[in-house]
Amino acid sequence: QVQLVESGGGLVQPGGSLRLSCATFGFSLDYYAIAWFRQAPGKEREGVSWLRSYDSSTWYADSVKGRFTMSRDNAKKTVYLQMNSLKPEDTAVYYCGADFINGRGGLREAEYDGWGQGTQVTVSS
């Protein structure tokens, strides 16, 4: 059974850091793409970052470039999103999506075959 479980969200002051985790179950990390999307109240879900296994490529939205970094631990079947220099506008529910059928990833939500339940990130003083 394919499953994605996000964790690591919470309340942090502006300028602080958090590391989100996406633990994966039921598929191999040998050929996949994992993406982080986020959705703030009243806004559409937007792509934040993705990691593609077959060419080791990553992508970051301009709004987070230089502040957020994706990484992976294949032994733990877990992907991470390190978030530094957090801003109030980063406040959102962060979702982990997996494209494990073709591994292409991208910005379209339809590319992803499974999603986690999300983890809340709140940046406020």
C-alpha atoms as a PDB file:
ATOM      1  CA  GLN A   1       0.000   0.000   0.000  1.00  0.00           C
ATOM      2  CA  VAL A   2       1.516   3.320  -1.094  1.00  0.00           C
ATOM      3  CA  GLN A   3       1.654   5.826   1.726  1.00  0.00           C
ATOM      4  CA  LEU A   4       3.312   9.188   2.352  1.00  0.00           C
ATOM      5  CA  VAL A   5       3.603  10.665   5.826  1.00  0.00           C
ATOM      6  CA  GLU A   6       4.744  14.245   6.428  1.00  0.00           C
ATOM      7  CA  SER A   7       6.102  15.488   9.725  1.00  0.00           C
ATOM      8  CA  GLY A   8       8.192  18.311  11.141  1.00  0.00           C
ATOM      9  CA  GLY A   9       5.817  21.239  10.882  1.00  0.00           C
ATOM     10  CA  GLY A  10       5.148  23.634  13.701  1.00  0.00           C
ATOM     11  CA  LEU A  11       5.256  27.220  14.888  1.00  0.00           C
ATOM     12  CA  VAL A  12       8.453  29.165  14.305  1.00  0.00           C
ATOM     13  CA  GLN A  13       9.449  32.828  14.467  1.00  0.00           C
ATOM     14  CA  PRO A  14      10.431  34.731  11.328  1.00  0.00           C
ATOM     15  CA  GLY A  15      14.031  33.935  10.475  1.00  0.00           C
ATOM     16  CA  GLY A  16      13.821  30.516  12.071  1.00  0.00           C
ATOM     17  CA  SER A  17      14.220  27.070  10.557  1.00  0.00           C
ATOM     18  CA  LEU A  18      12.286  23.842  10.249  1.00  0.00           C
ATOM     19  CA  ARG A  19      12.991  20.516   8.581  1.00  0.00           C
ATOM     20  CA  LEU A  20      10.058  18.679   7.081  1.00  0.00           C
ATOM     21  CA  SER A  21      10.159  14.943   6.497  1.00  0.00           C
ATOM     22  CA  CYS A  22       8.253  12.836   3.994  1.00  0.00           C
ATOM     23  CA  ALA A  23       8.434   9.154   4.838  1.00  0.00           C
ATOM     24  CA  THR A  24       7.421   6.879   1.985  1.00  0.00           C
ATOM     25  CA  PHE A  25       5.959   3.383   2.031  1.00  0.00           C
ATOM     26  CA  GLY A  26       4.979   0.925  -0.668  1.00  0.00           C
ATOM     27  CA  PHE A  27       7.226   1.972  -3.563  1.00  0.00           C
ATOM     28  CA  SER A  28      10.894   2.083  -4.420  1.00  0.00           C
ATOM     29  CA  LEU A  29      12.944   5.263  -4.244  1.00  0.00           C
ATOM     30  CA  ASP A  30      15.109   4.022  -7.124  1.00  0.00           C
ATOM     31  CA  TYR A  31      12.968   5.751  -9.733  1.00  0.00           C
ATOM     32  CA  TYR A  32      10.642   8.467  -8.518  1.00  0.00           C
ATOM     33  CA  ALA A  33      10.028  12.161  -8.067  1.00  0.00           C
ATOM     34  CA  ILE A  34       9.061  13.729  -4.759  1.00  0.00           C
ATOM     35  CA  ALA A  35       7.613  17.220  -4.558  1.00  0.00           C
ATOM     36  CA  TRP A  36       6.655  19.613  -1.839  1.00  0.00           C
ATOM     37  CA  PHE A  37       3.561  21.708  -2.433  1.00  0.00           C
ATOM     38  CA  ARG A  38       2.001  24.163  -0.028  1.00  0.00           C
ATOM     39  CA  GLN A  39      -1.402  25.734   0.393  1.00  0.00           C
ATOM     40  CA  ALA A  40      -2.214  28.801   2.438  1.00  0.00           C
ATOM     41  CA  PRO A  41      -5.797  29.700   3.411  1.00  0.00           C
ATOM     42  CA  GLY A  42      -7.664  31.174   0.458  1.00  0.00           C
ATOM     43  CA  LYS A  43      -4.871  30.392  -2.007  1.00  0.00           C
ATOM     44  CA  GLU A  44      -4.255  27.674  -4.557  1.00  0.00           C
ATOM     45  CA  ARG A  45      -1.817  24.912  -3.860  1.00  0.00           C
ATOM     46  CA  GLU A  46       1.577  25.875  -5.236  1.00  0.00           C
ATOM     47  CA  GLY A  47       4.710  23.921  -6.004  1.00  0.00           C
ATOM     48  CA  VAL A  48       7.616  24.627  -3.681  1.00  0.00           C
ATOM     49  CA  SER A  49      10.291  22.134  -4.655  1.00  0.00           C
ATOM     50  CA  TRP A  50      10.869  18.753  -6.222  1.00  0.00           C
ATOM     51  CA  LEU A  51      13.558  16.124  -6.436  1.00  0.00           C
ATOM     52  CA  ARG A  52      13.843  13.668  -9.331  1.00  0.00           C
ATOM     53  CA  SER A  53      15.778  10.481  -8.708  1.00  0.00           C
ATOM     54  CA  TYR A  54      16.805   9.404 -12.203  1.00  0.00           C
ATOM     55  CA  ASP A  55      18.896  12.485 -12.929  1.00  0.00           C
ATOM     56  CA  SER A  56      19.277  13.733  -9.330  1.00  0.00           C
ATOM     57  CA  SER A  57      17.761  17.039 -10.350  1.00  0.00           C
ATOM     58  CA  THR A  58      16.044  19.482  -8.018  1.00  0.00           C
ATOM     59  CA  TRP A  59      13.888  22.528  -8.589  1.00  0.00           C
ATOM     60  CA  TYR A  60      12.885  25.362  -6.278  1.00  0.00           C
ATOM     61  CA  ALA A  61      10.302  28.068  -6.623  1.00  0.00           C
ATOM     62  CA  ASP A  62      11.744  31.575  -6.819  1.00  0.00           C
ATOM     63  CA  SER A  63      10.027  32.446  -3.559  1.00  0.00           C
ATOM     64  CA  VAL A  64      12.064  29.856  -1.637  1.00  0.00           C
ATOM     65  CA  LYS A  65      15.260  29.627  -3.691  1.00  0.00           C
ATOM     66  CA  GLY A  66      18.310  30.004  -1.504  1.00  0.00           C
ATOM     67  CA  ARG A  67      16.322  29.297   1.651  1.00  0.00           C
ATOM     68  CA  PHE A  68      14.875  25.802   1.140  1.00  0.00           C
ATOM     69  CA  THR A  69      16.823  22.647   0.296  1.00  0.00           C
ATOM     70  CA  MET A  70      15.604  19.131  -0.488  1.00  0.00           C
ATOM     71  CA  SER A  71      17.559  16.023   0.408  1.00  0.00           C
ATOM     72  CA  ARG A  72      16.924  12.298   0.739  1.00  0.00           C
ATOM     73  CA  ASP A  73      17.890   9.278   2.795  1.00  0.00           C
ATOM     74  CA  ASN A  74      17.367   6.213   0.648  1.00  0.00           C
ATOM     75  CA  ALA A  75      17.948   3.803   3.532  1.00  0.00           C
ATOM     76  CA  LYS A  76      15.118   5.412   5.480  1.00  0.00           C
ATOM     77  CA  LYS A  77      13.011   5.966   2.342  1.00  0.00           C
ATOM     78  CA  THR A  78      12.553   9.545   3.481  1.00  0.00           C
ATOM     79  CA  VAL A  79      12.818  12.896   1.721  1.00  0.00           C
ATOM     80  CA  TYR A  80      13.467  16.115   3.603  1.00  0.00           C
ATOM     81  CA  LEU A  81      12.816  19.796   3.072  1.00  0.00           C
ATOM     82  CA  GLN A  82      15.149  22.018   5.068  1.00  0.00           C
ATOM     83  CA  MET A  83      13.577  25.455   5.442  1.00  0.00           C
ATOM     84  CA  ASN A  84      15.758  28.330   6.624  1.00  0.00           C
ATOM     85  CA  SER A  85      15.153  32.057   7.006  1.00  0.00           C
ATOM     86  CA  LEU A  86      11.439  31.451   7.228  1.00  0.00           C
ATOM     87  CA  LYS A  87       9.048  34.290   6.461  1.00  0.00           C
ATOM     88  CA  PRO A  88       5.411  34.815   7.468  1.00  0.00           C
ATOM     89  CA  GLU A  89       4.412  34.254   3.838  1.00  0.00           C
ATOM     90  CA  ASP A  90       5.772  30.708   4.135  1.00  0.00           C
ATOM     91  CA  THR A  91       2.852  29.908   6.441  1.00  0.00           C
ATOM     92  CA  ALA A  92       0.865  27.088   4.843  1.00  0.00           C
ATOM     93  CA  VAL A  93       0.056  23.420   4.984  1.00  0.00           C
ATOM     94  CA  TYR A  94       2.910  21.604   3.280  1.00  0.00           C
ATOM     95  CA  TYR A  95       2.146  18.450   1.315  1.00  0.00           C
ATOM     96  CA  CYS A  96       4.462  15.766   0.023  1.00  0.00           C
ATOM     97  CA  GLY A  97       3.588  14.239  -3.342  1.00  0.00           C
ATOM     98  CA  ALA A  98       5.161  11.237  -5.052  1.00  0.00           C
ATOM     99  CA  ASP A  99       5.340  10.457  -8.762  1.00  0.00           C
ATOM    100  CA  PHE A 100       6.312   6.795  -8.601  1.00  0.00           C
ATOM    101  CA  ILE A 101       4.824   5.636 -11.912  1.00  0.00           C
ATOM    102  CA  ASN A 102       6.925   7.632 -14.384  1.00  0.00           C
ATOM    103  CA  GLY A 103       9.142   9.618 -12.019  1.00  0.00           C
ATOM    104  CA  ARG A 104       8.933  12.859 -14.010  1.00  0.00           C
ATOM    105  CA  GLY A 105       7.565  15.151 -11.318  1.00  0.00           C
ATOM    106  CA  GLY A 106       6.924  18.750 -12.273  1.00  0.00           C
ATOM    107  CA  LEU A 107       4.602  21.526 -11.208  1.00  0.00           C
ATOM    108  CA  ARG A 108       1.307  19.915 -12.202  1.00  0.00           C
ATOM    109  CA  GLU A 109      -0.472  18.243  -9.304  1.00  0.00           C
ATOM    110  CA  ALA A 110      -1.855  15.647 -11.721  1.00  0.00           C
ATOM    111  CA  GLU A 111       1.648  14.280 -12.267  1.00  0.00           C
ATOM    112  CA  TYR A 112       1.743  12.931  -8.738  1.00  0.00           C
ATOM    113  CA  ASP A 113       0.317   9.547  -7.873  1.00  0.00           C
ATOM    114  CA  GLY A 114       0.045   9.896  -4.124  1.00  0.00           C
ATOM    115  CA  TRP A 115      -0.101  12.589  -1.468  1.00  0.00           C
ATOM    116  CA  GLY A 116       0.407  12.816   2.247  1.00  0.00           C
ATOM    117  CA  GLN A 117      -1.994  14.403   4.691  1.00  0.00           C
ATOM    118  CA  GLY A 118       0.066  17.568   5.085  1.00  0.00           C
ATOM    119  CA  THR A 119       1.878  19.258   7.935  1.00  0.00           C
ATOM    120  CA  GLN A 120       1.158  22.784   9.155  1.00  0.00           C
ATOM    121  CA  VAL A 121       3.932  25.370   9.101  1.00  0.00           C
ATOM    122  CA  THR A 122       3.198  28.656  10.850  1.00  0.00           C
ATOM    123  CA  VAL A 123       5.733  31.489  10.784  1.00  0.00           C
ATOM    124  CA  SER A 124       4.742  34.205  13.223  1.00  0.00           C
ATOM    125  CA  SER A 125       6.129  36.313  16.027  1.00  0.00           C
END
